[in-house]
Amino acid sequence: MTKYSIVCGLFLLIGLIASIEVYAQQPKRVIQLSGVTMDTATGPVPFVNVYVPAAGRGVRTNEVGFFSMPVLAGDSVVIS
């Protein structure tokens, strides 16, 4: 191998590592999740728990089944 090919390979490796590091530092997007819990037979379902396990937080729907909470894009939501 020549000195030139070793230097080119080294720069390529550094560039790949730097791009992975930059990608990992991008913050997740926060979105507002809102909705109404409904039953097809009876309509709105009040006092239902809406929970994000990864964040360890959640909300309870009000008397007409409405909820609103901030979540990160890609979060899983459990409704019970």
PDB file of N, CA and C in Angstrom:
ATOM      1  N   MET A   1       0.839  -1.176   0.000  1.00  0.00           N
ATOM      2  CA  MET A   1       0.000   0.000   0.000  1.00  0.00           C
ATOM      3  C   MET A   1       0.886   1.242   0.000  1.00  0.00           C
ATOM      4  N   THR A   2       0.424   2.203  -0.684  1.00  0.00           N
ATOM      5  CA  THR A   2       1.183   3.446  -0.735  1.00  0.00           C
ATOM      6  C   THR A   2       0.765   4.354   0.404  1.00  0.00           C
ATOM      7  N   LYS A   3       1.613   5.331   0.661  1.00  0.00           N
ATOM      8  CA  LYS A   3       1.332   6.316   1.696  1.00  0.00           C
ATOM      9  C   LYS A   3       0.059   7.090   1.361  1.00  0.00           C
ATOM     10  N   TYR A   4      -0.168   7.344   0.072  1.00  0.00           N
ATOM     11  CA  TYR A   4      -1.353   8.084  -0.371  1.00  0.00           C
ATOM     12  C   TYR A   4      -2.639   7.319  -0.041  1.00  0.00           C
ATOM     13  N   SER A   5      -2.675   6.026  -0.291  1.00  0.00           N
ATOM     14  CA  SER A   5      -3.885   5.248  -0.029  1.00  0.00           C
ATOM     15  C   SER A   5      -4.153   5.125   1.476  1.00  0.00           C
ATOM     16  N   ILE A   6      -3.119   5.067   2.283  1.00  0.00           N
ATOM     17  CA  ILE A   6      -3.289   5.011   3.732  1.00  0.00           C
ATOM     18  C   ILE A   6      -3.880   6.326   4.248  1.00  0.00           C
ATOM     19  N   VAL A   7      -3.374   7.447   3.754  1.00  0.00           N
ATOM     20  CA  VAL A   7      -3.881   8.759   4.168  1.00  0.00           C
ATOM     21  C   VAL A   7      -5.331   8.925   3.726  1.00  0.00           C
ATOM     22  N   CYS A   8      -5.662   8.517   2.493  1.00  0.00           N
ATOM     23  CA  CYS A   8      -7.040   8.612   2.014  1.00  0.00           C
ATOM     24  C   CYS A   8      -7.973   7.741   2.857  1.00  0.00           C
ATOM     25  N   GLY A   9      -7.540   6.549   3.171  1.00  0.00           N
ATOM     26  CA  GLY A   9      -8.343   5.658   4.022  1.00  0.00           C
ATOM     27  C   GLY A   9      -8.559   6.235   5.407  1.00  0.00           C
ATOM     28  N   LEU A  10      -7.543   6.866   5.957  1.00  0.00           N
ATOM     29  CA  LEU A  10      -7.647   7.481   7.276  1.00  0.00           C
ATOM     30  C   LEU A  10      -8.645   8.632   7.265  1.00  0.00           C
ATOM     31  N   PHE A  11      -8.585   9.486   6.229  1.00  0.00           N
ATOM     32  CA  PHE A  11      -9.547  10.589   6.121  1.00  0.00           C
ATOM     33  C   PHE A  11     -10.974  10.070   5.941  1.00  0.00           C
ATOM     34  N   LEU A  12     -11.141   9.015   5.182  1.00  0.00           N
ATOM     35  CA  LEU A  12     -12.461   8.423   4.998  1.00  0.00           C
ATOM     36  C   LEU A  12     -13.004   7.898   6.321  1.00  0.00           C
ATOM     37  N   LEU A  13     -12.180   7.234   7.087  1.00  0.00           N
ATOM     38  CA  LEU A  13     -12.585   6.707   8.390  1.00  0.00           C
ATOM     39  C   LEU A  13     -12.959   7.830   9.349  1.00  0.00           C
ATOM     40  N   ILE A  14     -12.185   8.885   9.383  1.00  0.00           N
ATOM     41  CA  ILE A  14     -12.486  10.036  10.247  1.00  0.00           C
ATOM     42  C   ILE A  14     -13.804  10.680   9.823  1.00  0.00           C
ATOM     43  N   GLY A  15     -14.032  10.793   8.529  1.00  0.00           N
ATOM     44  CA  GLY A  15     -15.279  11.375   8.036  1.00  0.00           C
ATOM     45  C   GLY A  15     -16.491  10.545   8.421  1.00  0.00           C
ATOM     46  N   LEU A  16     -16.369   9.231   8.347  1.00  0.00           N
ATOM     47  CA  LEU A  16     -17.477   8.362   8.737  1.00  0.00           C
ATOM     48  C   LEU A  16     -17.775   8.472  10.223  1.00  0.00           C
ATOM     49  N   ILE A  17     -16.748   8.482  11.037  1.00  0.00           N
ATOM     50  CA  ILE A  17     -16.935   8.607  12.489  1.00  0.00           C
ATOM     51  C   ILE A  17     -17.555   9.953  12.835  1.00  0.00           C
ATOM     52  N   ALA A  18     -17.114  11.020  12.195  1.00  0.00           N
ATOM     53  CA  ALA A  18     -17.657  12.348  12.470  1.00  0.00           C
ATOM     54  C   ALA A  18     -19.123  12.433  12.059  1.00  0.00           C
ATOM     55  N   SER A  19     -19.513  11.821  10.957  1.00  0.00           N
ATOM     56  CA  SER A  19     -20.905  11.884  10.525  1.00  0.00           C
ATOM     57  C   SER A  19     -21.810  11.093  11.454  1.00  0.00           C
ATOM     58  N   ILE A  20     -21.341   9.996  12.005  1.00  0.00           N
ATOM     59  CA  ILE A  20     -22.134   9.222  12.967  1.00  0.00           C
ATOM     60  C   ILE A  20     -22.325  10.036  14.245  1.00  0.00           C
ATOM     61  N   GLU A  21     -21.308  10.715  14.692  1.00  0.00           N
ATOM     62  CA  GLU A  21     -21.387  11.528  15.897  1.00  0.00           C
ATOM     63  C   GLU A  21     -22.360  12.681  15.717  1.00  0.00           C
ATOM     64  N   VAL A  22     -22.353  13.340  14.581  1.00  0.00           N
ATOM     65  CA  VAL A  22     -23.272  14.452  14.321  1.00  0.00           C
ATOM     66  C   VAL A  22     -24.703  13.942  14.272  1.00  0.00           C
ATOM     67  N   TYR A  23     -24.939  12.801  13.656  1.00  0.00           N
ATOM     68  CA  TYR A  23     -26.281  12.240  13.570  1.00  0.00           C
ATOM     69  C   TYR A  23     -26.822  11.891  14.957  1.00  0.00           C
ATOM     70  N   ALA A  24     -25.984  11.387  15.832  1.00  0.00           N
ATOM     71  CA  ALA A  24     -26.419  10.964  17.156  1.00  0.00           C
ATOM     72  C   ALA A  24     -26.796  12.146  18.035  1.00  0.00           C
ATOM     73  N   GLN A  25     -26.340  13.340  17.731  1.00  0.00           N
ATOM     74  CA  GLN A  25     -26.591  14.479  18.589  1.00  0.00           C
ATOM     75  C   GLN A  25     -27.833  15.273  18.199  1.00  0.00           C
ATOM     76  N   GLN A  26     -28.548  14.870  17.161  1.00  0.00           N
ATOM     77  CA  GLN A  26     -29.740  15.609  16.766  1.00  0.00           C
ATOM     78  C   GLN A  26     -30.846  15.355  17.786  1.00  0.00           C
ATOM     79  N   PRO A  27     -31.474  16.426  18.295  1.00  0.00           N
ATOM     80  CA  PRO A  27     -32.524  16.238  19.305  1.00  0.00           C
ATOM     81  C   PRO A  27     -33.791  15.659  18.676  1.00  0.00           C
ATOM     82  N   LYS A  28     -34.534  14.914  19.488  1.00  0.00           N
ATOM     83  CA  LYS A  28     -35.814  14.392  19.012  1.00  0.00           C
ATOM     84  C   LYS A  28     -36.835  15.512  18.998  1.00  0.00           C
ATOM     85  N   ARG A  29     -37.772  15.414  18.096  1.00  0.00           N
ATOM     86  CA  ARG A  29     -38.801  16.429  17.934  1.00  0.00           C
ATOM     87  C   ARG A  29     -39.919  16.209  18.952  1.00  0.00           C
ATOM     88  N   VAL A  30     -40.326  17.263  19.640  1.00  0.00           N
ATOM     89  CA  VAL A  30     -41.434  17.198  20.582  1.00  0.00           C
ATOM     90  C   VAL A  30     -42.715  17.578  19.842  1.00  0.00           C
ATOM     91  N   ILE A  31     -43.738  16.743  19.987  1.00  0.00           N
ATOM     92  CA  ILE A  31     -45.026  17.028  19.362  1.00  0.00           C
ATOM     93  C   ILE A  31     -46.123  16.983  20.426  1.00  0.00           C
ATOM     94  N   GLN A  32     -47.213  17.676  20.172  1.00  0.00           N
ATOM     95  CA  GLN A  32     -48.349  17.681  21.089  1.00  0.00           C
ATOM     96  C   GLN A  32     -49.345  16.624  20.615  1.00  0.00           C
ATOM     97  N   LEU A  33     -49.577  15.625  21.449  1.00  0.00           N
ATOM     98  CA  LEU A  33     -50.525  14.554  21.131  1.00  0.00           C
ATOM     99  C   LEU A  33     -51.837  14.875  21.834  1.00  0.00           C
ATOM    100  N   SER A  34     -52.905  15.028  21.071  1.00  0.00           N
ATOM    101  CA  SER A  34     -54.226  15.333  21.616  1.00  0.00           C
ATOM    102  C   SER A  34     -55.243  14.407  20.979  1.00  0.00           C
ATOM    103  N   GLY A  35     -56.305  14.125  21.714  1.00  0.00           N
ATOM    104  CA  GLY A  35     -57.347  13.289  21.150  1.00  0.00           C
ATOM    105  C   GLY A  35     -58.496  13.088  22.104  1.00  0.00           C
ATOM    106  N   VAL A  36     -59.444  12.279  21.667  1.00  0.00           N
ATOM    107  CA  VAL A  36     -60.613  11.928  22.468  1.00  0.00           C
ATOM    108  C   VAL A  36     -60.739  10.413  22.420  1.00  0.00           C
ATOM    109  N   THR A  37     -60.884   9.789  23.577  1.00  0.00           N
ATOM    110  CA  THR A  37     -61.108   8.342  23.614  1.00  0.00           C
ATOM    111  C   THR A  37     -62.585   8.087  23.368  1.00  0.00           C
ATOM    112  N   MET A  38     -62.857   7.176  22.431  1.00  0.00           N
ATOM    113  CA  MET A  38     -64.248   6.931  22.019  1.00  0.00           C
ATOM    114  C   MET A  38     -64.563   5.438  22.039  1.00  0.00           C
ATOM    115  N   ASP A  39     -65.824   5.142  22.300  1.00  0.00           N
ATOM    116  CA  ASP A  39     -66.378   3.799  22.162  1.00  0.00           C
ATOM    117  C   ASP A  39     -67.432   3.884  21.067  1.00  0.00           C
ATOM    118  N   THR A  40     -67.439   2.945  20.141  1.00  0.00           N
ATOM    119  CA  THR A  40     -68.370   3.030  19.013  1.00  0.00           C
ATOM    120  C   THR A  40     -69.823   2.944  19.455  1.00  0.00           C
ATOM    121  N   ALA A  41     -70.083   2.298  20.576  1.00  0.00           N
ATOM    122  CA  ALA A  41     -71.467   2.146  21.025  1.00  0.00           C
ATOM    123  C   ALA A  41     -71.933   3.289  21.921  1.00  0.00           C
ATOM    124  N   THR A  42     -71.059   3.774  22.812  1.00  0.00           N
ATOM    125  CA  THR A  42     -71.495   4.760  23.815  1.00  0.00           C
ATOM    126  C   THR A  42     -70.944   6.157  23.604  1.00  0.00           C
ATOM    127  N   GLY A  43     -69.985   6.336  22.699  1.00  0.00           N
ATOM    128  CA  GLY A  43     -69.398   7.658  22.460  1.00  0.00           C
ATOM    129  C   GLY A  43     -68.135   7.877  23.280  1.00  0.00           C
ATOM    130  N   PRO A  44     -67.908   9.110  23.784  1.00  0.00           N
ATOM    131  CA  PRO A  44     -66.675   9.414  24.523  1.00  0.00           C
ATOM    132  C   PRO A  44     -66.537   8.582  25.797  1.00  0.00           C
ATOM    133  N   VAL A  45     -65.293   8.153  26.078  1.00  0.00           N
ATOM    134  CA  VAL A  45     -65.010   7.375  27.284  1.00  0.00           C
ATOM    135  C   VAL A  45     -64.181   8.255  28.224  1.00  0.00           C
ATOM    136  N   PRO A  46     -64.723   8.630  29.385  1.00  0.00           N
ATOM    137  CA  PRO A  46     -64.000   9.515  30.304  1.00  0.00           C
ATOM    138  C   PRO A  46     -63.003   8.759  31.178  1.00  0.00           C
ATOM    139  N   PHE A  47     -62.049   9.503  31.722  1.00  0.00           N
ATOM    140  CA  PHE A  47     -61.109   9.036  32.747  1.00  0.00           C
ATOM    141  C   PHE A  47     -60.292   7.810  32.332  1.00  0.00           C
ATOM    142  N   VAL A  48     -59.753   7.858  31.114  1.00  0.00           N
ATOM    143  CA  VAL A  48     -58.880   6.815  30.582  1.00  0.00           C
ATOM    144  C   VAL A  48     -57.432   7.273  30.760  1.00  0.00           C
ATOM    145  N   ASN A  49     -56.529   6.345  31.088  1.00  0.00           N
ATOM    146  CA  ASN A  49     -55.116   6.667  31.250  1.00  0.00           C
ATOM    147  C   ASN A  49     -54.401   6.609  29.909  1.00  0.00           C
ATOM    148  N   VAL A  50     -53.624   7.653  29.604  1.00  0.00           N
ATOM    149  CA  VAL A  50     -52.781   7.713  28.410  1.00  0.00           C
ATOM    150  C   VAL A  50     -51.358   7.879  28.923  1.00  0.00           C
ATOM    151  N   TYR A  51     -50.489   6.893  28.636  1.00  0.00           N
ATOM    152  CA  TYR A  51     -49.191   6.783  29.292  1.00  0.00           C
ATOM    153  C   TYR A  51     -48.072   6.551  28.288  1.00  0.00           C
ATOM    154  N   VAL A  52     -46.916   7.202  28.523  1.00  0.00           N
ATOM    155  CA  VAL A  52     -45.712   6.988  27.714  1.00  0.00           C
ATOM    156  C   VAL A  52     -44.702   6.253  28.605  1.00  0.00           C
ATOM    157  N   PRO A  53     -44.547   4.928  28.436  1.00  0.00           N
ATOM    158  CA  PRO A  53     -43.672   4.158  29.320  1.00  0.00           C
ATOM    159  C   PRO A  53     -42.209   4.616  29.317  1.00  0.00           C
ATOM    160  N   ALA A  54     -41.673   4.989  28.155  1.00  0.00           N
ATOM    161  CA  ALA A  54     -40.268   5.396  28.068  1.00  0.00           C
ATOM    162  C   ALA A  54     -40.002   6.658  28.879  1.00  0.00           C
ATOM    163  N   ALA A  55     -40.980   7.549  28.950  1.00  0.00           N
ATOM    164  CA  ALA A  55     -40.816   8.803  29.691  1.00  0.00           C
ATOM    165  C   ALA A  55     -41.279   8.666  31.134  1.00  0.00           C
ATOM    166  N   GLY A  56     -42.061   7.628  31.433  1.00  0.00           N
ATOM    167  CA  GLY A  56     -42.567   7.435  32.785  1.00  0.00           C
ATOM    168  C   GLY A  56     -43.610   8.469  33.189  1.00  0.00           C
ATOM    169  N   ARG A  57     -44.382   8.948  32.236  1.00  0.00           N
ATOM    170  CA  ARG A  57     -45.407   9.944  32.553  1.00  0.00           C
ATOM    171  C   ARG A  57     -46.629   9.733  31.678  1.00  0.00           C
ATOM    172  N   GLY A  58     -47.722  10.316  32.136  1.00  0.00           N
ATOM    173  CA  GLY A  58     -48.958  10.187  31.385  1.00  0.00           C
ATOM    174  C   GLY A  58     -49.999  11.167  31.878  1.00  0.00           C
ATOM    175  N   VAL A  59     -51.187  11.072  31.301  1.00  0.00           N
ATOM    176  CA  VAL A  59     -52.306  11.929  31.679  1.00  0.00           C
ATOM    177  C   VAL A  59     -53.559  11.069  31.747  1.00  0.00           C
ATOM    178  N   ARG A  60     -54.600  11.640  32.327  1.00  0.00           N
ATOM    179  CA  ARG A  60     -55.907  10.997  32.360  1.00  0.00           C
ATOM    180  C   ARG A  60     -56.867  11.864  31.566  1.00  0.00           C
ATOM    181  N   THR A  61     -57.714  11.233  30.765  1.00  0.00           N
ATOM    182  CA  THR A  61     -58.685  11.999  29.995  1.00  0.00           C
ATOM    183  C   THR A  61     -59.705  12.640  30.931  1.00  0.00           C
ATOM    184  N   ASN A  62     -60.316  13.717  30.458  1.00  0.00           N
ATOM    185  CA  ASN A  62     -61.303  14.409  31.292  1.00  0.00           C
ATOM    186  C   ASN A  62     -62.675  13.740  31.174  1.00  0.00           C
ATOM    187  N   GLU A  63     -63.710  14.403  31.653  1.00  0.00           N
ATOM    188  CA  GLU A  63     -65.062  13.819  31.680  1.00  0.00           C
ATOM    189  C   GLU A  63     -65.674  13.602  30.301  1.00  0.00           C
ATOM    190  N   VAL A  64     -65.130  14.224  29.271  1.00  0.00           N
ATOM    191  CA  VAL A  64     -65.613  13.991  27.901  1.00  0.00           C
ATOM    192  C   VAL A  64     -64.597  13.216  27.062  1.00  0.00           C
ATOM    193  N   GLY A  65     -63.575  12.621  27.717  1.00  0.00           N
ATOM    194  CA  GLY A  65     -62.610  11.768  27.037  1.00  0.00           C
ATOM    195  C   GLY A  65     -61.466  12.480  26.354  1.00  0.00           C
ATOM    196  N   PHE A  66     -61.313  13.802  26.554  1.00  0.00           N
ATOM    197  CA  PHE A  66     -60.252  14.568  25.891  1.00  0.00           C
ATOM    198  C   PHE A  66     -58.948  14.480  26.673  1.00  0.00           C
ATOM    199  N   PHE A  67     -57.819  14.393  25.935  1.00  0.00           N
ATOM    200  CA  PHE A  67     -56.486  14.453  26.543  1.00  0.00           C
ATOM    201  C   PHE A  67     -55.550  15.222  25.626  1.00  0.00           C
ATOM    202  N   SER A  68     -54.479  15.748  26.207  1.00  0.00           N
ATOM    203  CA  SER A  68     -53.443  16.437  25.447  1.00  0.00           C
ATOM    204  C   SER A  68     -52.157  16.356  26.251  1.00  0.00           C
ATOM    205  N   MET A  69     -51.068  15.947  25.572  1.00  0.00           N
ATOM    206  CA  MET A  69     -49.782  15.837  26.268  1.00  0.00           C
ATOM    207  C   MET A  69     -48.632  15.918  25.266  1.00  0.00           C
ATOM    208  N   PRO A  70     -47.475  16.455  25.692  1.00  0.00           N
ATOM    209  CA  PRO A  70     -46.305  16.468  24.805  1.00  0.00           C
ATOM    210  C   PRO A  70     -45.634  15.099  24.808  1.00  0.00           C
ATOM    211  N   VAL A  71     -45.206  14.655  23.637  1.00  0.00           N
ATOM    212  CA  VAL A  71     -44.471  13.399  23.483  1.00  0.00           C
ATOM    213  C   VAL A  71     -43.325  13.626  22.506  1.00  0.00           C
ATOM    214  N   LEU A  72     -42.353  12.745  22.539  1.00  0.00           N
ATOM    215  CA  LEU A  72     -41.269  12.782  21.562  1.00  0.00           C
ATOM    216  C   LEU A  72     -41.682  11.979  20.335  1.00  0.00           C
ATOM    217  N   ALA A  73     -41.284  12.441  19.168  1.00  0.00           N
ATOM    218  CA  ALA A  73     -41.583  11.709  17.933  1.00  0.00           C
ATOM    219  C   ALA A  73     -41.009  10.303  18.044  1.00  0.00           C
ATOM    220  N   GLY A  74     -41.827   9.314  17.781  1.00  0.00           N
ATOM    221  CA  GLY A  74     -41.409   7.912  17.857  1.00  0.00           C
ATOM    222  C   GLY A  74     -41.727   7.239  19.172  1.00  0.00           C
ATOM    223  N   ASP A  75     -42.236   7.968  20.166  1.00  0.00           N
ATOM    224  CA  ASP A  75     -42.615   7.366  21.446  1.00  0.00           C
ATOM    225  C   ASP A  75     -43.784   6.398  21.261  1.00  0.00           C
ATOM    226  N   SER A  76     -43.826   5.373  22.096  1.00  0.00           N
ATOM    227  CA  SER A  76     -44.976   4.477  22.157  1.00  0.00           C
ATOM    228  C   SER A  76     -45.922   4.987  23.220  1.00  0.00           C
ATOM    229  N   VAL A  77     -47.204   4.923  22.946  1.00  0.00           N
ATOM    230  CA  VAL A  77     -48.227   5.405  23.879  1.00  0.00           C
ATOM    231  C   VAL A  77     -49.129   4.233  24.243  1.00  0.00           C
ATOM    232  N   VAL A  78     -49.388   4.085  25.554  1.00  0.00           N
ATOM    233  CA  VAL A  78     -50.272   3.038  26.047  1.00  0.00           C
ATOM    234  C   VAL A  78     -51.553   3.698  26.541  1.00  0.00           C
ATOM    235  N   ILE A  79     -52.693   3.192  26.087  1.00  0.00           N
ATOM    236  CA  ILE A  79     -53.995   3.714  26.502  1.00  0.00           C
ATOM    237  C   ILE A  79     -54.719   2.594  27.238  1.00  0.00           C
ATOM    238  N   SER A  80     -55.098   2.894  28.474  1.00  0.00           N
ATOM    239  CA  SER A  80     -55.794   1.865  29.282  1.00  0.00           C
ATOM    240  C   SER A  80     -56.876   2.477  30.128  1.00  0.00           C
TER     241      SER A  80
END
